[in-house]
Amino acid sequence: MNILAIGDIVGLNGCDFLRQRLPGLKKLKGIDVVIANGENSANGNGITPSGAEDIFASGVDVITTGNHAFRRKEMYDYYDENEFIIRPANFPNGTTPGRGMTIIDRGRIRIAVINLMGLSFMEPLECPFKTADRLIEKAKQEYADIILVDFHAEATGEKRALGYYLDGRVSCFFGTHTHVQTADEQILPNGTGYITDVGMTGPYNSVLGVKPEIIIAKLKDKLPQRFDWAEGDSKLNCVLFTVDEKTKKTTAVERIEIKGV
């Protein structure tokens, strides 16, 4: 089974480029399942219901999110209504909308997608290690054959530590949030496909998607700035995991970057 993980989609620019390039990539690579992080897909951060529908229409099966999951209040009901957009599972249950795990049923096989958020330099949420333990057990109870994890986190060390902690218990583990694709794709010792960060889908002449002059002014002058997404040529960062349906282990990991206009 070929599973594609797409890095944080940034603004309308990123959504447009995804819509242009994903269908062809799916056909070229024979992709069965697509997971994309969409928490920055709306202009000005966050995600909107219409933006989520646009991402689904582009060919994405599950949308994951992160620290901007609840930036737009119009999303609150949508998280409860659509089971295929999820938020980090270690947000408090009962006080935050939505769910932290979903299952894609392909008939012959069931794929669980878990969304977690890191704690280093982030919000003080439930421990992602303990949350992962709980949801992996839940996924097995719901007869999931393959388990995927999107770990939305800042610190490289925290991502690698959780990756090794889950090695052999999940098929694929990929990081999001930094918007910078890392060159450490690998298969961990017990068969889990891994990358520290998938990267970003959006304008590549930018600082993590934002106009460079805005970030320069913020860092240089130490004054608040309104973050506006950059425009121009885009890139699509993603990682392709090939998973053996019998062993549930990853057999190949391919890091991909597509550039265009």
Protein backbone atom coordinates (compact mmCIF):
# COMPACT_ATOMS: atom_id res chain seq x y z
CA MET A 1 0.00 0.00 0.00
CA ASN A 2 1.29 3.44 -0.97
CA ILE A 3 0.53 6.17 1.58
CA LEU A 4 1.34 9.84 0.91
CA ALA A 5 1.86 12.36 3.72
CA ILE A 6 1.74 16.02 2.65
CA GLY A 7 3.39 18.83 4.61
CA ASP A 8 1.53 21.84 6.03
CA ILE A 9 -0.60 23.45 3.31
CA VAL A 10 -0.08 27.22 3.47
CA GLY A 11 -2.79 29.64 2.34
CA LEU A 12 -4.74 29.78 -0.89
CA ASN A 13 -1.46 29.56 -2.81
CA GLY A 14 -0.74 26.17 -1.27
CA CYS A 15 -4.32 24.97 -1.80
CA ASP A 16 -4.21 25.93 -5.48
CA PHE A 17 -0.89 24.18 -6.03
CA LEU A 18 -2.13 21.06 -4.24
CA ARG A 19 -5.18 20.96 -6.50
CA GLN A 20 -2.97 21.29 -9.58
CA ARG A 21 -0.38 18.67 -8.70
CA LEU A 22 -1.86 16.03 -6.40
CA PRO A 23 -4.06 14.18 -8.94
CA GLY A 24 -1.12 13.62 -11.29
CA LEU A 25 1.17 12.55 -8.44
CA LYS A 26 -1.41 10.03 -7.21
CA LYS A 27 -1.64 8.50 -10.66
CA LEU A 28 2.14 8.49 -11.22
CA LYS A 29 2.97 6.83 -7.90
CA GLY A 30 -0.09 4.60 -7.56
CA ILE A 31 -1.04 6.23 -4.25
CA ASP A 32 -3.79 4.56 -2.22
CA VAL A 33 -4.20 6.96 0.74
CA VAL A 34 -3.36 10.67 1.16
CA ILE A 35 -2.95 12.47 4.50
CA ALA A 36 -2.35 16.24 4.52
CA ASN A 37 -1.84 18.75 7.31
CA GLY A 38 -4.22 21.64 6.64
CA GLU A 39 -4.05 23.83 9.73
CA ASN A 40 -2.52 26.79 7.87
CA SER A 41 -4.57 26.50 4.69
CA ALA A 42 -6.68 29.60 5.36
CA ASN A 43 -5.20 33.01 4.67
CA GLY A 44 -4.21 34.41 8.05
CA ASN A 45 -3.69 30.97 9.67
CA GLY A 46 -6.13 28.28 10.66
CA ILE A 47 -8.48 26.31 8.46
CA THR A 48 -12.07 26.96 7.35
CA PRO A 49 -14.82 24.51 6.35
CA SER A 50 -14.68 25.68 2.72
CA GLY A 51 -10.89 25.32 2.73
CA ALA A 52 -11.17 21.80 4.11
CA GLU A 53 -13.68 20.87 1.42
CA ASP A 54 -11.28 22.22 -1.20
CA ILE A 55 -8.46 20.05 0.18
CA PHE A 56 -10.69 16.96 0.17
CA ALA A 57 -11.75 17.72 -3.42
CA SER A 58 -8.07 17.80 -4.41
CA GLY A 59 -7.76 14.11 -3.50
CA VAL A 60 -6.87 14.11 0.21
CA ASP A 61 -8.46 11.39 2.36
CA VAL A 62 -7.68 12.74 5.85
CA ILE A 63 -6.77 16.26 7.01
CA THR A 64 -4.67 16.58 10.15
CA THR A 65 -4.09 19.82 12.06
CA GLY A 66 -2.06 21.22 14.96
CA ASN A 67 -1.67 24.29 17.15
CA HIS A 68 -3.83 26.44 14.82
CA ALA A 69 -6.65 23.86 14.73
CA PHE A 70 -9.09 26.10 16.61
CA ARG A 71 -8.05 29.49 15.22
CA ARG A 72 -11.33 29.74 13.27
CA LYS A 73 -14.51 29.31 15.32
CA GLU A 74 -16.49 28.37 12.23
CA MET A 75 -14.54 25.10 12.27
CA TYR A 76 -15.82 23.91 15.64
CA ASP A 77 -18.98 22.24 14.35
CA TYR A 78 -17.18 20.99 11.24
CA TYR A 79 -14.71 19.00 13.37
CA ASP A 80 -17.64 17.20 14.97
CA GLU A 81 -19.47 16.67 11.69
CA ASN A 82 -16.65 15.39 9.47
CA GLU A 83 -14.75 12.40 10.85
CA PHE A 84 -11.95 12.75 8.31
CA ILE A 85 -10.59 16.02 9.63
CA ILE A 86 -8.90 15.53 12.99
CA ARG A 87 -7.16 17.65 15.61
CA PRO A 88 -4.31 16.70 17.98
CA ALA A 89 -5.61 13.96 20.25
CA ASN A 90 -3.86 15.36 23.32
CA PHE A 91 -6.13 18.42 23.41
CA PRO A 92 -8.64 17.95 26.26
CA ASN A 93 -11.55 15.70 25.37
CA GLY A 94 -14.92 17.16 26.27
CA THR A 95 -13.83 20.79 26.03
CA THR A 96 -12.43 20.83 22.49
CA PRO A 97 -14.36 19.86 19.36
CA GLY A 98 -13.58 16.92 17.15
CA ARG A 99 -11.47 13.82 17.51
CA GLY A 100 -7.80 12.90 17.44
CA MET A 101 -8.06 9.70 15.42
CA THR A 102 -10.03 8.48 12.43
CA ILE A 103 -10.17 5.24 10.48
CA ILE A 104 -10.21 4.88 6.70
CA ASP A 105 -12.06 1.71 5.73
CA ARG A 106 -10.87 0.32 2.39
CA GLY A 107 -12.80 -2.93 2.76
CA ARG A 108 -9.82 -5.27 2.66
CA ILE A 109 -7.89 -3.09 5.09
CA ARG A 110 -8.53 -0.45 7.76
CA ILE A 111 -6.08 2.45 8.26
CA ALA A 112 -6.06 4.46 11.50
CA VAL A 113 -4.69 8.01 11.38
CA ILE A 114 -3.64 9.56 14.71
CA ASN A 115 -2.87 13.27 15.17
CA LEU A 116 -0.67 14.33 18.12
CA MET A 117 1.00 17.58 19.20
CA GLY A 118 4.36 18.06 20.88
CA LEU A 119 4.95 19.84 24.17
CA SER A 120 8.40 21.40 23.67
CA PHE A 121 7.92 25.13 22.84
CA MET A 122 4.20 24.38 22.38
CA GLU A 123 1.07 24.30 24.55
CA PRO A 124 1.00 22.27 27.80
CA LEU A 125 -1.24 19.43 26.66
CA GLU A 126 -1.55 15.78 27.67
CA CYS A 127 1.68 13.78 27.26
CA PRO A 128 1.86 12.69 23.59
CA PHE A 129 3.59 9.43 24.58
CA LYS A 130 0.72 8.41 26.87
CA THR A 131 -1.88 9.68 24.40
CA ALA A 132 -0.28 7.58 21.66
CA ASP A 133 -0.39 4.48 23.89
CA ARG A 134 -4.09 5.00 24.50
CA LEU A 135 -5.03 5.61 20.87
CA ILE A 136 -2.97 2.74 19.49
CA GLU A 137 -4.87 0.43 21.80
CA LYS A 138 -8.15 2.02 20.68
CA ALA A 139 -7.17 1.61 17.01
CA LYS A 140 -6.53 -2.09 17.56
CA GLN A 141 -9.89 -2.46 19.30
CA GLU A 142 -11.47 -0.92 16.19
CA TYR A 143 -9.67 -3.50 14.01
CA ALA A 144 -7.22 -1.11 12.38
CA ASP A 145 -4.65 -2.97 10.28
CA ILE A 146 -2.29 -0.05 9.62
CA ILE A 147 -1.66 2.88 12.00
CA LEU A 148 -0.22 6.25 10.93
CA VAL A 149 0.86 9.14 13.17
CA ASP A 150 1.18 12.85 12.33
CA PHE A 151 3.18 14.41 15.17
CA HIS A 152 2.79 18.19 14.99
CA ALA A 153 5.79 19.37 17.00
CA GLU A 154 8.60 21.91 17.13
CA ALA A 155 11.55 20.06 18.65
CA THR A 156 13.49 17.60 16.51
CA GLY A 157 14.52 15.58 19.56
CA GLU A 158 10.94 15.18 20.74
CA LYS A 159 9.89 13.95 17.31
CA ARG A 160 12.68 11.41 17.03
CA ALA A 161 12.11 10.19 20.58
CA LEU A 162 8.41 9.56 19.97
CA GLY A 163 9.22 7.93 16.63
CA TYR A 164 11.51 5.40 18.32
CA TYR A 165 8.99 4.94 21.15
CA LEU A 166 6.34 3.93 18.60
CA ASP A 167 8.69 1.94 16.34
CA GLY A 168 7.07 -1.37 15.48
CA ARG A 169 3.69 -0.31 16.88
CA VAL A 170 2.74 2.03 14.02
CA SER A 171 3.45 1.64 10.32
CA CYS A 172 4.32 5.27 9.55
CA PHE A 173 5.38 8.25 11.68
CA PHE A 174 5.80 11.71 10.18
CA GLY A 175 6.34 15.12 11.72
CA THR A 176 4.72 18.41 10.72
CA HIS A 177 4.72 22.04 11.95
CA THR A 178 8.19 23.42 11.11
CA HIS A 179 7.41 23.87 7.37
CA VAL A 180 10.97 22.69 6.61
CA GLN A 181 11.39 19.26 5.02
CA THR A 182 14.06 17.22 6.79
CA ALA A 183 16.46 14.85 5.02
CA ASP A 184 16.24 12.02 7.57
CA GLU A 185 13.62 9.74 6.04
CA GLN A 186 14.27 6.15 7.15
CA ILE A 187 12.81 2.86 8.23
CA LEU A 188 13.33 2.46 11.98
CA PRO A 189 14.72 -0.85 13.33
CA ASN A 190 11.30 -2.43 13.95
CA GLY A 191 9.75 -1.43 10.64
CA THR A 192 8.17 2.01 11.15
CA GLY A 193 8.62 4.47 8.29
CA TYR A 194 9.86 7.79 9.68
CA ILE A 195 10.64 11.41 8.82
CA THR A 196 11.12 14.27 11.31
CA ASP A 197 9.20 16.80 9.22
CA VAL A 198 7.37 16.45 5.91
CA GLY A 199 7.78 20.15 5.06
CA MET A 200 5.36 22.63 3.49
CA THR A 201 3.04 23.06 0.53
CA GLY A 202 3.01 26.69 -0.51
CA PRO A 203 5.25 29.57 -1.70
CA TYR A 204 8.92 28.62 -1.56
CA ASN A 205 10.26 32.21 -1.77
CA SER A 206 9.07 32.83 1.78
CA VAL A 207 9.91 32.37 5.44
CA LEU A 208 7.82 29.31 6.30
CA GLY A 209 5.16 30.62 3.91
CA VAL A 210 5.16 34.24 5.16
CA LYS A 211 6.48 37.21 3.17
CA PRO A 212 10.20 37.48 4.09
CA GLU A 213 10.11 41.23 4.74
CA ILE A 214 7.49 40.74 7.47
CA ILE A 215 9.57 38.21 9.38
CA ILE A 216 12.72 40.29 8.92
CA ALA A 217 10.94 43.34 10.36
CA LYS A 218 9.62 41.34 13.33
CA LEU A 219 13.03 39.90 14.18
CA LYS A 220 14.97 43.12 13.50
CA ASP A 221 12.65 45.74 14.98
CA LYS A 222 11.06 43.64 17.76
CA LEU A 223 7.56 44.94 17.00
CA PRO A 224 4.38 42.96 16.26
CA GLN A 225 3.67 42.29 12.59
CA ARG A 226 0.67 41.04 10.66
CA PHE A 227 1.67 37.78 8.99
CA ASP A 228 0.65 37.72 5.33
CA TRP A 229 1.33 34.67 3.20
CA ALA A 230 3.83 35.11 0.39
CA GLU A 231 2.84 34.74 -3.24
CA GLY A 232 4.58 33.43 -6.34
CA ASP A 233 5.94 30.02 -7.27
CA SER A 234 5.03 27.13 -5.00
CA LYS A 235 6.35 23.76 -3.87
CA LEU A 236 4.69 20.61 -2.62
CA ASN A 237 6.62 18.73 0.09
CA CYS A 238 5.49 15.19 0.79
CA VAL A 239 6.70 11.72 1.74
CA LEU A 240 5.62 8.44 0.18
CA PHE A 241 5.51 5.39 2.47
CA THR A 242 5.17 1.91 1.00
CA VAL A 243 3.63 -0.44 3.58
CA ASP A 244 3.45 -4.22 3.35
CA GLU A 245 -0.20 -5.09 3.97
CA LYS A 246 0.71 -8.46 5.51
CA THR A 247 3.46 -7.41 7.93
CA LYS A 248 2.16 -3.81 8.42
CA LYS A 249 5.78 -2.66 8.20
CA THR A 250 7.12 0.06 5.92
CA THR A 251 9.30 -1.29 3.11
CA ALA A 252 10.25 2.02 1.47
CA VAL A 253 10.25 5.76 2.23
CA GLU A 254 10.55 8.35 -0.55
CA ARG A 255 10.92 12.06 0.19
CA ILE A 256 9.41 14.20 -2.59
CA GLU A 257 9.53 17.90 -3.46
CA ILE A 258 7.64 19.25 -6.45
CA LYS A 259 8.28 22.83 -7.55
CA GLY A 260 6.26 24.85 -10.00
CA VAL A 261 4.27 28.00 -10.62
